């Protein structure tokens, strides 16, 4: 179950504020924590604000749209069901 799966980052932050999560946690830049200073936004090359806007409206600059489309193509396998062998 992924209860936050359909929410964009800003909606998750709004929910966190509603739930009383401390502001420093809400403001912490999302990161996979692979190395010091690494952030999701620096890895993606776009802001979550731009990504959220694209997800919610379908609108973005050509540069942002191309980056999102490239990320989506590269992660398509993660959204596919695993093959089930036939016996």
PDB file of N, CA and C in Angstrom:
ATOM      1  N   UNK A   1       0.860  -1.173   0.000  1.00  0.00           N
ATOM      2  CA  UNK A   1       0.000   0.000   0.000  1.00  0.00           C
ATOM      3  C   UNK A   1       0.901   1.228   0.000  1.00  0.00           C
ATOM      4  N   UNK A   2       0.606   2.156  -0.884  1.00  0.00           N
ATOM      5  CA  UNK A   2       1.382   3.392  -0.974  1.00  0.00           C
ATOM      6  C   UNK A   2       0.433   4.566  -0.735  1.00  0.00           C
ATOM      7  N   UNK A   3       0.176   4.911   0.529  1.00  0.00           N
ATOM      8  CA  UNK A   3      -0.827   5.942   0.820  1.00  0.00           C
ATOM      9  C   UNK A   3      -0.482   7.325   0.286  1.00  0.00           C
ATOM     10  N   UNK A   4       0.782   7.588   0.018  1.00  0.00           N
ATOM     11  CA  UNK A   4       1.180   8.901  -0.500  1.00  0.00           C
ATOM     12  C   UNK A   4       1.484   8.855  -1.991  1.00  0.00           C
ATOM     13  N   UNK A   5       1.292   7.715  -2.613  1.00  0.00           N
ATOM     14  CA  UNK A   5       1.687   7.505  -3.999  1.00  0.00           C
ATOM     15  C   UNK A   5       1.063   8.441  -5.012  1.00  0.00           C
ATOM     16  N   UNK A   6      -0.114   8.955  -4.733  1.00  0.00           N
ATOM     17  CA  UNK A   6      -0.786   9.845  -5.683  1.00  0.00           C
ATOM     18  C   UNK A   6      -0.618  11.319  -5.343  1.00  0.00           C
ATOM     19  N   UNK A   7       0.226  11.622  -4.368  1.00  0.00           N
ATOM     20  CA  UNK A   7       0.439  13.014  -3.971  1.00  0.00           C
ATOM     21  C   UNK A   7       1.744  13.541  -4.552  1.00  0.00           C
ATOM     22  N   UNK A   8       1.748  14.816  -4.938  1.00  0.00           N
ATOM     23  CA  UNK A   8       2.993  15.465  -5.352  1.00  0.00           C
ATOM     24  C   UNK A   8       3.679  16.013  -4.104  1.00  0.00           C
ATOM     25  N   UNK A   9       4.927  16.425  -4.227  1.00  0.00           N
ATOM     26  CA  UNK A   9       5.719  16.856  -3.065  1.00  0.00           C
ATOM     27  C   UNK A   9       5.038  17.956  -2.263  1.00  0.00           C
ATOM     28  N   UNK A  10       4.473  18.958  -2.925  1.00  0.00           N
ATOM     29  CA  UNK A  10       3.850  20.058  -2.185  1.00  0.00           C
ATOM     30  C   UNK A  10       2.657  19.558  -1.383  1.00  0.00           C
ATOM     31  N   UNK A  11       1.915  18.605  -1.915  1.00  0.00           N
ATOM     32  CA  UNK A  11       0.791  18.036  -1.176  1.00  0.00           C
ATOM     33  C   UNK A  11       1.275  17.246   0.037  1.00  0.00           C
ATOM     34  N   UNK A  12       2.390  16.547  -0.097  1.00  0.00           N
ATOM     35  CA  UNK A  12       2.970  15.821   1.032  1.00  0.00           C
ATOM     36  C   UNK A  12       3.398  16.812   2.112  1.00  0.00           C
ATOM     37  N   UNK A  13       3.991  17.938   1.701  1.00  0.00           N
ATOM     38  CA  UNK A  13       4.392  18.961   2.672  1.00  0.00           C
ATOM     39  C   UNK A  13       3.175  19.554   3.373  1.00  0.00           C
ATOM     40  N   UNK A  14       2.092  19.786   2.638  1.00  0.00           N
ATOM     41  CA  UNK A  14       0.860  20.298   3.247  1.00  0.00           C
ATOM     42  C   UNK A  14       0.319  19.305   4.272  1.00  0.00           C
ATOM     43  N   UNK A  15       0.326  18.033   3.939  1.00  0.00           N
ATOM     44  CA  UNK A  15      -0.123  16.997   4.861  1.00  0.00           C
ATOM     45  C   UNK A  15       0.766  16.957   6.099  1.00  0.00           C
ATOM     46  N   UNK A  16       2.074  17.072   5.896  1.00  0.00           N
ATOM     47  CA  UNK A  16       3.013  17.073   7.022  1.00  0.00           C
ATOM     48  C   UNK A  16       2.737  18.245   7.959  1.00  0.00           C
ATOM     49  N   UNK A  17       2.475  19.428   7.399  1.00  0.00           N
ATOM     50  CA  UNK A  17       2.141  20.589   8.240  1.00  0.00           C
ATOM     51  C   UNK A  17       0.859  20.323   9.023  1.00  0.00           C
ATOM     52  N   UNK A  18      -0.145  19.760   8.367  1.00  0.00           N
ATOM     53  CA  UNK A  18      -1.418  19.441   9.010  1.00  0.00           C
ATOM     54  C   UNK A  18      -1.213  18.460  10.165  1.00  0.00           C
ATOM     55  N   UNK A  19      -0.311  17.501   9.978  1.00  0.00           N
ATOM     56  CA  UNK A  19      -0.044  16.488  10.998  1.00  0.00           C
ATOM     57  C   UNK A  19       0.889  16.977  12.096  1.00  0.00           C
ATOM     58  N   UNK A  20       1.415  18.197  11.957  1.00  0.00           N
ATOM     59  CA  UNK A  20       2.292  18.766  12.980  1.00  0.00           C
ATOM     60  C   UNK A  20       3.725  18.285  12.920  1.00  0.00           C
ATOM     61  N   UNK A  21       4.163  17.845  11.765  1.00  0.00           N
ATOM     62  CA  UNK A  21       5.561  17.434  11.589  1.00  0.00           C
ATOM     63  C   UNK A  21       6.431  18.676  11.752  1.00  0.00           C
ATOM     64  N   UNK A  22       7.553  18.584  12.484  1.00  0.00           N
ATOM     65  CA  UNK A  22       8.416  19.755  12.673  1.00  0.00           C
ATOM     66  C   UNK A  22       8.874  20.354  11.337  1.00  0.00           C
ATOM     67  N   UNK A  23       8.878  21.681  11.266  1.00  0.00           N
ATOM     68  CA  UNK A  23       9.223  22.396  10.033  1.00  0.00           C
ATOM     69  C   UNK A  23      10.600  22.031   9.478  1.00  0.00           C
ATOM     70  N   UNK A  24      11.638  21.829  10.339  1.00  0.00           N
ATOM     71  CA  UNK A  24      12.943  21.442   9.761  1.00  0.00           C
ATOM     72  C   UNK A  24      12.885  20.130   8.973  1.00  0.00           C
ATOM     73  N   UNK A  25      12.026  19.226   9.380  1.00  0.00           N
ATOM     74  CA  UNK A  25      11.883  17.969   8.636  1.00  0.00           C
ATOM     75  C   UNK A  25      11.181  18.231   7.309  1.00  0.00           C
ATOM     76  N   UNK A  26      10.141  19.061   7.334  1.00  0.00           N
ATOM     77  CA  UNK A  26       9.408  19.399   6.112  1.00  0.00           C
ATOM     78  C   UNK A  26      10.321  20.109   5.115  1.00  0.00           C
ATOM     79  N   UNK A  27      11.180  20.990   5.623  1.00  0.00           N
ATOM     80  CA  UNK A  27      12.045  21.802   4.761  1.00  0.00           C
ATOM     81  C   UNK A  27      13.290  21.068   4.270  1.00  0.00           C
ATOM     82  N   UNK A  28      13.596  19.901   4.844  1.00  0.00           N
ATOM     83  CA  UNK A  28      14.800  19.172   4.449  1.00  0.00           C
ATOM     84  C   UNK A  28      14.681  18.742   2.988  1.00  0.00           C
ATOM     85  N   UNK A  29      15.686  19.068   2.167  1.00  0.00           N
ATOM     86  CA  UNK A  29      15.623  18.691   0.750  1.00  0.00           C
ATOM     87  C   UNK A  29      15.565  17.173   0.585  1.00  0.00           C
ATOM     88  N   UNK A  30      14.642  16.675  -0.240  1.00  0.00           N
ATOM     89  CA  UNK A  30      14.576  15.232  -0.488  1.00  0.00           C
ATOM     90  C   UNK A  30      15.895  14.723  -1.068  1.00  0.00           C
ATOM     91  N   UNK A  31      16.332  13.577  -0.559  1.00  0.00           N
ATOM     92  CA  UNK A  31      17.608  13.016  -0.988  1.00  0.00           C
ATOM     93  C   UNK A  31      17.599  11.507  -0.796  1.00  0.00           C
ATOM     94  N   UNK A  32      18.264  10.808  -1.687  1.00  0.00           N
ATOM     95  CA  UNK A  32      18.457   9.368  -1.520  1.00  0.00           C
ATOM     96  C   UNK A  32      19.556   9.102  -0.497  1.00  0.00           C
ATOM     97  N   UNK A  33      20.292  10.143  -0.104  1.00  0.00           N
ATOM     98  CA  UNK A  33      21.336  10.001   0.895  1.00  0.00           C
ATOM     99  C   UNK A  33      22.532   9.191   0.427  1.00  0.00           C
ATOM    100  N   UNK A  34      22.791   9.219  -0.861  1.00  0.00           N
ATOM    101  CA  UNK A  34      23.899   8.432  -1.396  1.00  0.00           C
ATOM    102  C   UNK A  34      25.260   9.024  -1.056  1.00  0.00           C
ATOM    103  N   UNK A  35      25.342  10.343  -0.919  1.00  0.00           N
ATOM    104  CA  UNK A  35      26.571  11.015  -0.512  1.00  0.00           C
ATOM    105  C   UNK A  35      26.192  12.360   0.086  1.00  0.00           C
ATOM    106  N   UNK A  36      27.113  12.950   0.832  1.00  0.00           N
ATOM    107  CA  UNK A  36      26.856  14.243   1.460  1.00  0.00           C
ATOM    108  C   UNK A  36      26.545  15.292   0.407  1.00  0.00           C
ATOM    109  N   UNK A  37      25.488  16.052   0.651  1.00  0.00           N
ATOM    110  CA  UNK A  37      25.127  17.140  -0.243  1.00  0.00           C
ATOM    111  C   UNK A  37      24.285  16.729  -1.437  1.00  0.00           C
ATOM    112  N   UNK A  38      24.057  15.441  -1.623  1.00  0.00           N
ATOM    113  CA  UNK A  38      23.259  14.966  -2.752  1.00  0.00           C
ATOM    114  C   UNK A  38      21.791  15.270  -2.495  1.00  0.00           C
ATOM    115  N   UNK A  39      21.089  15.790  -3.518  1.00  0.00           N
ATOM    116  CA  UNK A  39      19.649  16.026  -3.414  1.00  0.00           C
ATOM    117  C   UNK A  39      18.957  15.470  -4.653  1.00  0.00           C
ATOM    118  N   UNK A  40      17.687  15.156  -4.498  1.00  0.00           N
ATOM    119  CA  UNK A  40      16.910  14.659  -5.635  1.00  0.00           C
ATOM    120  C   UNK A  40      16.867  15.689  -6.759  1.00  0.00           C
ATOM    121  N   UNK A  41      16.642  16.956  -6.389  1.00  0.00           N
ATOM    122  CA  UNK A  41      16.528  18.000  -7.410  1.00  0.00           C
ATOM    123  C   UNK A  41      17.815  18.158  -8.209  1.00  0.00           C
ATOM    124  N   UNK A  42      18.966  18.066  -7.541  1.00  0.00           N
ATOM    125  CA  UNK A  42      20.228  18.197  -8.285  1.00  0.00           C
ATOM    126  C   UNK A  42      20.431  16.995  -9.204  1.00  0.00           C
ATOM    127  N   UNK A  43      19.992  15.826  -8.775  1.00  0.00           N
ATOM    128  CA  UNK A  43      20.113  14.632  -9.613  1.00  0.00           C
ATOM    129  C   UNK A  43      19.177  14.696 -10.820  1.00  0.00           C
ATOM    130  N   UNK A  44      17.949  15.198 -10.599  1.00  0.00           N
ATOM    131  CA  UNK A  44      16.977  15.281 -11.693  1.00  0.00           C
ATOM    132  C   UNK A  44      17.277  16.430 -12.646  1.00  0.00           C
ATOM    133  N   UNK A  45      17.871  17.489 -12.116  1.00  0.00           N
ATOM    134  CA  UNK A  45      18.126  18.668 -12.939  1.00  0.00           C
ATOM    135  C   UNK A  45      16.915  19.573 -13.077  1.00  0.00           C
ATOM    136  N   UNK A  46      15.890  19.318 -12.269  1.00  0.00           N
ATOM    137  CA  UNK A  46      14.695  20.169 -12.225  1.00  0.00           C
ATOM    138  C   UNK A  46      14.208  20.242 -10.783  1.00  0.00           C
ATOM    139  N   UNK A  47      13.414  21.251 -10.498  1.00  0.00           N
ATOM    140  CA  UNK A  47      12.878  21.402  -9.145  1.00  0.00           C
ATOM    141  C   UNK A  47      11.617  20.567  -8.973  1.00  0.00           C
ATOM    142  N   UNK A  48      11.316  20.234  -7.724  1.00  0.00           N
ATOM    143  CA  UNK A  48      10.051  19.545  -7.457  1.00  0.00           C
ATOM    144  C   UNK A  48       8.870  20.450  -7.779  1.00  0.00           C
ATOM    145  N   UNK A  49       9.064  21.752  -7.654  1.00  0.00           N
ATOM    146  CA  UNK A  49       7.993  22.689  -8.017  1.00  0.00           C
ATOM    147  C   UNK A  49       7.631  22.523  -9.497  1.00  0.00           C
ATOM    148  N   UNK A  50       8.650  22.436 -10.354  1.00  0.00           N
ATOM    149  CA  UNK A  50       8.410  22.250 -11.792  1.00  0.00           C
ATOM    150  C   UNK A  50       7.806  20.876 -12.069  1.00  0.00           C
ATOM    151  N   UNK A  51       8.299  19.857 -11.377  1.00  0.00           N
ATOM    152  CA  UNK A  51       7.773  18.505 -11.560  1.00  0.00           C
ATOM    153  C   UNK A  51       6.320  18.426 -11.103  1.00  0.00           C
ATOM    154  N   UNK A  52       6.028  18.985  -9.923  1.00  0.00           N
ATOM    155  CA  UNK A  52       4.650  19.008  -9.417  1.00  0.00           C
ATOM    156  C   UNK A  52       3.724  19.695 -10.412  1.00  0.00           C
ATOM    157  N   UNK A  53       4.161  20.828 -10.919  1.00  0.00           N
ATOM    158  CA  UNK A  53       3.347  21.587 -11.867  1.00  0.00           C
ATOM    159  C   UNK A  53       3.060  20.756 -13.113  1.00  0.00           C
ATOM    160  N   UNK A  54       4.072  20.075 -13.621  1.00  0.00           N
ATOM    161  CA  UNK A  54       3.884  19.240 -14.810  1.00  0.00           C
ATOM    162  C   UNK A  54       2.906  18.100 -14.527  1.00  0.00           C
ATOM    163  N   UNK A  55       3.062  17.459 -13.379  1.00  0.00           N
ATOM    164  CA  UNK A  55       2.174  16.345 -13.027  1.00  0.00           C
ATOM    165  C   UNK A  55       0.730  16.826 -12.904  1.00  0.00           C
ATOM    166  N   UNK A  56       0.539  17.988 -12.287  1.00  0.00           N
ATOM    167  CA  UNK A  56      -0.814  18.482 -12.028  1.00  0.00           C
ATOM    168  C   UNK A  56      -1.470  19.137 -13.241  1.00  0.00           C
ATOM    169  N   UNK A  57      -0.661  19.761 -14.107  1.00  0.00           N
ATOM    170  CA  UNK A  57      -1.245  20.529 -15.214  1.00  0.00           C
ATOM    171  C   UNK A  57      -0.847  20.019 -16.593  1.00  0.00           C
ATOM    172  N   UNK A  58       0.246  19.251 -16.663  1.00  0.00           N
ATOM    173  CA  UNK A  58       0.750  18.809 -17.955  1.00  0.00           C
ATOM    174  C   UNK A  58       1.540  19.887 -18.676  1.00  0.00           C
ATOM    175  N   UNK A  59       1.744  21.021 -18.011  1.00  0.00           N
ATOM    176  CA  UNK A  59       2.449  22.139 -18.637  1.00  0.00           C
ATOM    177  C   UNK A  59       3.852  22.289 -18.060  1.00  0.00           C
ATOM    178  N   UNK A  60       4.802  22.578 -18.946  1.00  0.00           N
ATOM    179  CA  UNK A  60       6.189  22.807 -18.542  1.00  0.00           C
ATOM    180  C   UNK A  60       6.938  23.378 -19.732  1.00  0.00           C
ATOM    181  N   UNK A  61       8.085  23.976 -19.438  1.00  0.00           N
ATOM    182  CA  UNK A  61       8.943  24.437 -20.528  1.00  0.00           C
ATOM    183  C   UNK A  61       9.424  23.210 -21.304  1.00  0.00           C
ATOM    184  N   UNK A  62       9.893  23.429 -22.516  1.00  0.00           N
ATOM    185  CA  UNK A  62      10.396  22.317 -23.328  1.00  0.00           C
ATOM    186  C   UNK A  62      11.529  21.588 -22.617  1.00  0.00           C
ATOM    187  N   UNK A  63      12.417  22.353 -21.967  1.00  0.00           N
ATOM    188  CA  UNK A  63      13.559  21.753 -21.267  1.00  0.00           C
ATOM    189  C   UNK A  63      13.086  20.837 -20.142  1.00  0.00           C
ATOM    190  N   UNK A  64      12.155  21.326 -19.330  1.00  0.00           N
ATOM    191  CA  UNK A  64      11.639  20.528 -18.213  1.00  0.00           C
ATOM    192  C   UNK A  64      10.885  19.314 -18.741  1.00  0.00           C
ATOM    193  N   UNK A  65      10.060  19.517 -19.745  1.00  0.00           N
ATOM    194  CA  UNK A  65       9.281  18.417 -20.326  1.00  0.00           C
ATOM    195  C   UNK A  65      10.214  17.312 -20.839  1.00  0.00           C
ATOM    196  N   UNK A  66      11.290  17.686 -21.529  1.00  0.00           N
ATOM    197  CA  UNK A  66      12.227  16.694 -22.062  1.00  0.00           C
ATOM    198  C   UNK A  66      12.896  15.908 -20.941  1.00  0.00           C
ATOM    199  N   UNK A  67      13.280  16.595 -19.858  1.00  0.00           N
ATOM    200  CA  UNK A  67      13.917  15.907 -18.730  1.00  0.00           C
ATOM    201  C   UNK A  67      12.946  14.930 -18.079  1.00  0.00           C
ATOM    202  N   UNK A  68      11.703  15.348 -17.907  1.00  0.00           N
ATOM    203  CA  UNK A  68      10.701  14.472 -17.293  1.00  0.00           C
ATOM    204  C   UNK A  68      10.426  13.274 -18.193  1.00  0.00           C
ATOM    205  N   UNK A  69      10.276  13.506 -19.482  1.00  0.00           N
ATOM    206  CA  UNK A  69      10.024  12.402 -20.415  1.00  0.00           C
ATOM    207  C   UNK A  69      11.187  11.414 -20.427  1.00  0.00           C
ATOM    208  N   UNK A  70      12.418  11.920 -20.328  1.00  0.00           N
ATOM    209  CA  UNK A  70      13.588  11.043 -20.286  1.00  0.00           C
ATOM    210  C   UNK A  70      13.591  10.208 -19.004  1.00  0.00           C
ATOM    211  N   UNK A  71      13.262  10.845 -17.869  1.00  0.00           N
ATOM    212  CA  UNK A  71      13.201  10.101 -16.604  1.00  0.00           C
ATOM    213  C   UNK A  71      12.097   9.042 -16.653  1.00  0.00           C
ATOM    214  N   UNK A  72      10.954   9.405 -17.229  1.00  0.00           N
ATOM    215  CA  UNK A  72       9.840   8.454 -17.318  1.00  0.00           C
ATOM    216  C   UNK A  72      10.204   7.261 -18.195  1.00  0.00           C
ATOM    217  N   UNK A  73      10.866   7.518 -19.307  1.00  0.00           N
ATOM    218  CA  UNK A  73      11.279   6.426 -20.194  1.00  0.00           C
ATOM    219  C   UNK A  73      12.289   5.517 -19.496  1.00  0.00           C
ATOM    220  N   UNK A  74      13.203   6.120 -18.751  1.00  0.00           N
ATOM    221  CA  UNK A  74      14.230   5.343 -18.065  1.00  0.00           C
ATOM    222  C   UNK A  74      13.722   4.536 -16.887  1.00  0.00           C
ATOM    223  N   UNK A  75      12.552   4.884 -16.386  1.00  0.00           N
ATOM    224  CA  UNK A  75      12.005   4.156 -15.237  1.00  0.00           C
ATOM    225  C   UNK A  75      10.725   3.397 -15.579  1.00  0.00           C
ATOM    226  N   UNK A  76      10.424   3.260 -16.867  1.00  0.00           N
ATOM    227  CA  UNK A  76       9.191   2.580 -17.290  1.00  0.00           C
ATOM    228  C   UNK A  76       9.111   1.158 -16.736  1.00  0.00           C
ATOM    229  N   UNK A  77      10.245   0.477 -16.663  1.00  0.00           N
ATOM    230  CA  UNK A  77      10.251  -0.900 -16.164  1.00  0.00           C
ATOM    231  C   UNK A  77       9.773  -0.993 -14.720  1.00  0.00           C
ATOM    232  N   UNK A  78       9.912   0.077 -13.955  1.00  0.00           N
ATOM    233  CA  UNK A  78       9.486   0.073 -12.553  1.00  0.00           C
ATOM    234  C   UNK A  78       7.968   0.152 -12.420  1.00  0.00           C
ATOM    235  N   UNK A  79       7.293   0.538 -13.484  1.00  0.00           N
ATOM    236  CA  UNK A  79       5.834   0.659 -13.459  1.00  0.00           C
ATOM    237  C   UNK A  79       5.146  -0.499 -14.162  1.00  0.00           C
ATOM    238  N   UNK A  80       5.910  -1.498 -14.551  1.00  0.00           N
ATOM    239  CA  UNK A  80       5.359  -2.661 -15.249  1.00  0.00           C
ATOM    240  C   UNK A  80       5.262  -3.847 -14.294  1.00  0.00           C
ATOM    241  N   UNK A  81       4.255  -4.672 -14.513  1.00  0.00           N
ATOM    242  CA  UNK A  81       4.133  -5.888 -13.720  1.00  0.00           C
ATOM    243  C   UNK A  81       5.219  -6.867 -14.127  1.00  0.00           C
ATOM    244  N   UNK A  82       5.672  -7.633 -13.161  1.00  0.00           N
ATOM    245  CA  UNK A  82       6.669  -8.655 -13.457  1.00  0.00           C
ATOM    246  C   UNK A  82       6.023  -9.765 -14.272  1.00  0.00           C
ATOM    247  N   UNK A  83       6.781 -10.358 -15.187  1.00  0.00           N
ATOM    248  CA  UNK A  83       6.214 -11.464 -15.957  1.00  0.00           C
ATOM    249  C   UNK A  83       5.961 -12.672 -15.049  1.00  0.00           C
ATOM    250  N   UNK A  84       4.877 -13.361 -15.307  1.00  0.00           N
ATOM    251  CA  UNK A  84       4.535 -14.559 -14.538  1.00  0.00           C
ATOM    252  C   UNK A  84       4.703 -15.755 -15.464  1.00  0.00           C
ATOM    253  N   UNK A  85       5.528 -16.714 -15.056  1.00  0.00           N
ATOM    254  CA  UNK A  85       5.748 -17.870 -15.936  1.00  0.00           C
ATOM    255  C   UNK A  85       4.484 -18.722 -16.053  1.00  0.00           C
ATOM    256  N   UNK A  86       4.299 -19.286 -17.218  1.00  0.00           N
ATOM    257  CA  UNK A  86       3.182 -20.201 -17.437  1.00  0.00           C
ATOM    258  C   UNK A  86       3.693 -21.621 -17.264  1.00  0.00           C
ATOM    259  N   UNK A  87       2.976 -22.414 -16.523  1.00  0.00           N
ATOM    260  CA  UNK A  87       3.389 -23.802 -16.270  1.00  0.00           C
ATOM    261  C   UNK A  87       2.465 -24.759 -16.971  1.00  0.00           C
TER     262      UNK A  87
END
